[in-house]
């Protein structure tokens, strides 16, 4: 999956789960500080990520994913391991 496709798919999840306007989401947006995604919403986002991408994101991994770009990069690696 191309990075832009992954980004678009992840932003669509943020729209569905958190009601964020896809046009306003940038790769460097932080989940908490910029997007106001709280921990409960993040759990819902992760469940949708698992459904859409077929990958599980561990709690330890989630703690290191601070921005939309971090998540997209992680998904790229998880979906297309090198």
N, C-alpha and C. Protein backbone atom coordinates (compact mmCIF):
# COMPACT_ATOMS: atom_id res chain seq x y z
N UNK A 1 0.85 -1.18 0.00
CA UNK A 1 0.00 0.00 0.00
C UNK A 1 0.90 1.24 0.00
N UNK A 2 0.58 2.20 -0.84
CA UNK A 2 1.36 3.42 -0.91
C UNK A 2 1.12 4.28 0.33
N UNK A 3 2.10 5.09 0.67
CA UNK A 3 1.99 5.95 1.85
C UNK A 3 0.75 6.84 1.78
N UNK A 4 0.48 7.46 0.64
CA UNK A 4 -0.70 8.33 0.53
C UNK A 4 -1.98 7.54 0.73
N UNK A 5 -2.04 6.33 0.19
CA UNK A 5 -3.22 5.48 0.39
C UNK A 5 -3.39 5.11 1.85
N UNK A 6 -2.29 4.80 2.51
CA UNK A 6 -2.33 4.47 3.93
C UNK A 6 -2.77 5.68 4.73
N UNK A 7 -2.21 6.84 4.41
CA UNK A 7 -2.59 8.08 5.08
C UNK A 7 -4.09 8.34 4.91
N UNK A 8 -4.57 8.25 3.68
CA UNK A 8 -5.99 8.51 3.41
C UNK A 8 -6.89 7.53 4.15
N UNK A 9 -6.50 6.25 4.18
CA UNK A 9 -7.30 5.24 4.87
C UNK A 9 -7.31 5.50 6.38
N UNK A 10 -6.15 5.89 6.93
CA UNK A 10 -6.10 6.17 8.36
C UNK A 10 -6.88 7.43 8.71
N UNK A 11 -6.79 8.44 7.88
CA UNK A 11 -7.54 9.68 8.12
C UNK A 11 -9.05 9.40 8.03
N UNK A 12 -9.45 8.50 7.14
CA UNK A 12 -10.86 8.12 7.06
C UNK A 12 -11.32 7.47 8.37
N UNK A 13 -10.45 6.70 8.99
CA UNK A 13 -10.76 6.10 10.30
C UNK A 13 -10.93 7.20 11.34
N UNK A 14 -10.02 8.17 11.34
CA UNK A 14 -10.13 9.29 12.29
C UNK A 14 -11.44 10.06 12.08
N UNK A 15 -11.84 10.20 10.83
CA UNK A 15 -13.11 10.86 10.52
C UNK A 15 -14.27 10.05 11.08
N UNK A 16 -14.30 8.74 10.79
CA UNK A 16 -15.39 7.88 11.25
C UNK A 16 -15.48 7.80 12.77
N UNK A 17 -14.34 7.63 13.42
CA UNK A 17 -14.33 7.39 14.86
C UNK A 17 -14.37 8.68 15.67
N UNK A 18 -13.56 9.66 15.28
CA UNK A 18 -13.41 10.87 16.08
C UNK A 18 -14.10 12.09 15.47
N UNK A 19 -14.66 11.94 14.28
CA UNK A 19 -15.35 13.04 13.65
C UNK A 19 -14.44 14.16 13.18
N UNK A 20 -13.19 13.81 12.86
CA UNK A 20 -12.24 14.83 12.41
C UNK A 20 -12.41 15.08 10.91
N UNK A 21 -12.30 16.32 10.51
CA UNK A 21 -12.39 16.69 9.11
C UNK A 21 -11.13 16.20 8.40
N UNK A 22 -11.25 15.29 7.45
CA UNK A 22 -10.07 14.74 6.78
C UNK A 22 -9.18 15.82 6.14
N UNK A 23 -9.77 16.89 5.66
CA UNK A 23 -8.99 17.94 5.01
C UNK A 23 -8.11 18.70 5.99
N UNK A 24 -8.43 18.61 7.28
CA UNK A 24 -7.65 19.37 8.26
C UNK A 24 -6.57 18.54 8.94
N UNK A 25 -6.52 17.24 8.68
CA UNK A 25 -5.55 16.36 9.34
C UNK A 25 -4.25 16.34 8.54
N UNK A 26 -3.14 16.59 9.25
CA UNK A 26 -1.81 16.57 8.63
C UNK A 26 -0.97 15.48 9.28
N UNK A 27 0.05 15.06 8.59
CA UNK A 27 0.91 13.98 9.08
C UNK A 27 1.60 14.34 10.39
N UNK A 28 1.90 15.62 10.60
CA UNK A 28 2.61 16.00 11.83
C UNK A 28 1.68 16.34 12.98
N UNK A 29 0.37 16.14 12.82
CA UNK A 29 -0.57 16.39 13.91
C UNK A 29 -0.41 15.33 14.99
N UNK A 30 -0.28 15.80 16.23
CA UNK A 30 -0.21 14.90 17.39
C UNK A 30 -1.63 14.52 17.79
N UNK A 31 -1.82 13.26 18.15
CA UNK A 31 -3.15 12.77 18.49
C UNK A 31 -3.78 13.57 19.63
N UNK A 32 -3.06 13.76 20.70
CA UNK A 32 -3.62 14.46 21.86
C UNK A 32 -3.61 15.96 21.71
N UNK A 33 -2.45 16.52 21.44
CA UNK A 33 -2.30 17.98 21.44
C UNK A 33 -3.01 18.66 20.28
N UNK A 34 -2.92 18.12 19.09
CA UNK A 34 -3.48 18.77 17.91
C UNK A 34 -4.88 18.30 17.54
N UNK A 35 -5.14 17.02 17.75
CA UNK A 35 -6.41 16.44 17.29
C UNK A 35 -7.40 16.17 18.42
N UNK A 36 -6.97 16.34 19.66
CA UNK A 36 -7.83 16.09 20.83
C UNK A 36 -8.41 14.68 20.85
N UNK A 37 -7.59 13.71 20.45
CA UNK A 37 -8.00 12.30 20.50
C UNK A 37 -7.59 11.77 21.87
N UNK A 38 -8.59 11.49 22.72
CA UNK A 38 -8.30 10.99 24.06
C UNK A 38 -8.05 9.48 24.02
N UNK A 39 -7.70 8.92 25.16
CA UNK A 39 -7.31 7.50 25.21
C UNK A 39 -8.46 6.57 24.83
N UNK A 40 -9.67 6.89 25.21
CA UNK A 40 -10.81 6.04 24.87
C UNK A 40 -11.06 6.07 23.35
N UNK A 41 -11.00 7.24 22.78
CA UNK A 41 -11.17 7.35 21.34
C UNK A 41 -10.04 6.64 20.60
N UNK A 42 -8.83 6.72 21.16
CA UNK A 42 -7.69 6.05 20.52
C UNK A 42 -7.90 4.53 20.50
N UNK A 43 -8.50 3.98 21.54
CA UNK A 43 -8.81 2.55 21.55
C UNK A 43 -9.76 2.22 20.40
N UNK A 44 -10.76 3.06 20.19
CA UNK A 44 -11.70 2.85 19.09
C UNK A 44 -10.99 2.97 17.74
N UNK A 45 -10.08 3.94 17.63
CA UNK A 45 -9.30 4.10 16.41
C UNK A 45 -8.50 2.83 16.14
N UNK A 46 -7.85 2.31 17.17
CA UNK A 46 -7.03 1.11 17.02
C UNK A 46 -7.86 -0.10 16.61
N UNK A 47 -9.06 -0.22 17.15
CA UNK A 47 -9.93 -1.33 16.75
C UNK A 47 -10.28 -1.20 15.26
N UNK A 48 -10.53 0.01 14.81
CA UNK A 48 -10.82 0.23 13.39
C UNK A 48 -9.59 -0.03 12.53
N UNK A 49 -8.41 0.34 13.03
CA UNK A 49 -7.16 0.06 12.32
C UNK A 49 -6.99 -1.44 12.14
N UNK A 50 -7.26 -2.20 13.20
CA UNK A 50 -7.14 -3.65 13.12
C UNK A 50 -8.09 -4.22 12.06
N UNK A 51 -9.32 -3.71 12.04
CA UNK A 51 -10.29 -4.19 11.05
C UNK A 51 -9.87 -3.82 9.63
N UNK A 52 -9.45 -2.58 9.44
CA UNK A 52 -9.14 -2.08 8.09
C UNK A 52 -7.84 -2.64 7.53
N UNK A 53 -6.81 -2.68 8.38
CA UNK A 53 -5.48 -3.06 7.91
C UNK A 53 -5.10 -4.50 8.24
N UNK A 54 -5.85 -5.14 9.13
CA UNK A 54 -5.56 -6.52 9.49
C UNK A 54 -4.30 -6.66 10.33
N UNK A 55 -3.96 -5.63 11.07
CA UNK A 55 -2.77 -5.68 11.94
C UNK A 55 -3.17 -5.29 13.36
N UNK A 56 -2.45 -5.81 14.31
CA UNK A 56 -2.65 -5.46 15.70
C UNK A 56 -1.55 -4.50 16.12
N UNK A 57 -1.95 -3.42 16.78
CA UNK A 57 -0.98 -2.44 17.29
C UNK A 57 -0.94 -2.61 18.80
N UNK A 58 0.20 -3.06 19.33
CA UNK A 58 0.31 -3.33 20.76
C UNK A 58 0.29 -2.03 21.57
N UNK A 59 -0.02 -2.17 22.86
CA UNK A 59 -0.01 -1.01 23.76
C UNK A 59 1.35 -0.34 23.79
N UNK A 60 2.40 -1.14 23.83
CA UNK A 60 3.75 -0.58 23.85
C UNK A 60 4.03 0.23 22.59
N UNK A 61 3.59 -0.28 21.46
CA UNK A 61 3.79 0.43 20.20
C UNK A 61 3.00 1.72 20.18
N UNK A 62 1.76 1.67 20.64
CA UNK A 62 0.90 2.86 20.63
C UNK A 62 1.55 4.00 21.40
N UNK A 63 2.21 3.69 22.49
CA UNK A 63 2.86 4.73 23.30
C UNK A 63 3.95 5.47 22.52
N UNK A 64 4.50 4.84 21.50
CA UNK A 64 5.56 5.48 20.72
C UNK A 64 5.03 6.18 19.47
N UNK A 65 3.75 6.06 19.21
CA UNK A 65 3.14 6.67 18.02
C UNK A 65 2.42 7.94 18.45
N UNK A 66 3.06 9.06 18.27
CA UNK A 66 2.53 10.33 18.77
C UNK A 66 1.78 11.14 17.72
N UNK A 67 2.12 10.92 16.45
CA UNK A 67 1.50 11.71 15.38
C UNK A 67 0.83 10.80 14.34
N UNK A 68 0.05 11.43 13.50
CA UNK A 68 -0.58 10.71 12.40
C UNK A 68 0.50 10.08 11.52
N UNK A 69 1.56 10.82 11.25
CA UNK A 69 2.66 10.29 10.44
C UNK A 69 3.33 9.09 11.07
N UNK A 70 3.46 9.10 12.41
CA UNK A 70 4.03 7.95 13.10
C UNK A 70 3.17 6.71 12.86
N UNK A 71 1.85 6.87 12.96
CA UNK A 71 0.94 5.75 12.77
C UNK A 71 1.00 5.25 11.33
N UNK A 72 1.00 6.18 10.38
CA UNK A 72 1.05 5.79 8.96
C UNK A 72 2.34 5.01 8.68
N UNK A 73 3.46 5.50 9.19
CA UNK A 73 4.74 4.80 8.99
C UNK A 73 4.69 3.41 9.61
N UNK A 74 4.11 3.30 10.81
CA UNK A 74 4.00 1.99 11.46
C UNK A 74 3.13 1.05 10.63
N UNK A 75 2.03 1.56 10.14
CA UNK A 75 1.13 0.72 9.34
C UNK A 75 1.81 0.28 8.04
N UNK A 76 2.56 1.17 7.43
CA UNK A 76 3.30 0.81 6.21
C UNK A 76 4.24 -0.36 6.50
N UNK A 77 4.95 -0.31 7.61
CA UNK A 77 5.89 -1.39 7.96
C UNK A 77 5.15 -2.67 8.31
N UNK A 78 4.02 -2.53 9.00
CA UNK A 78 3.28 -3.72 9.43
C UNK A 78 2.57 -4.41 8.27
N UNK A 79 2.06 -3.63 7.33
CA UNK A 79 1.34 -4.20 6.20
C UNK A 79 2.30 -4.73 5.15
N UNK A 80 3.40 -4.03 4.93
CA UNK A 80 4.40 -4.42 3.94
C UNK A 80 5.76 -4.58 4.61
N UNK A 81 5.93 -5.62 5.43
CA UNK A 81 7.23 -5.77 6.09
C UNK A 81 8.34 -5.96 5.07
N UNK A 82 9.53 -5.41 5.41
CA UNK A 82 10.65 -5.53 4.48
C UNK A 82 11.38 -6.83 4.65
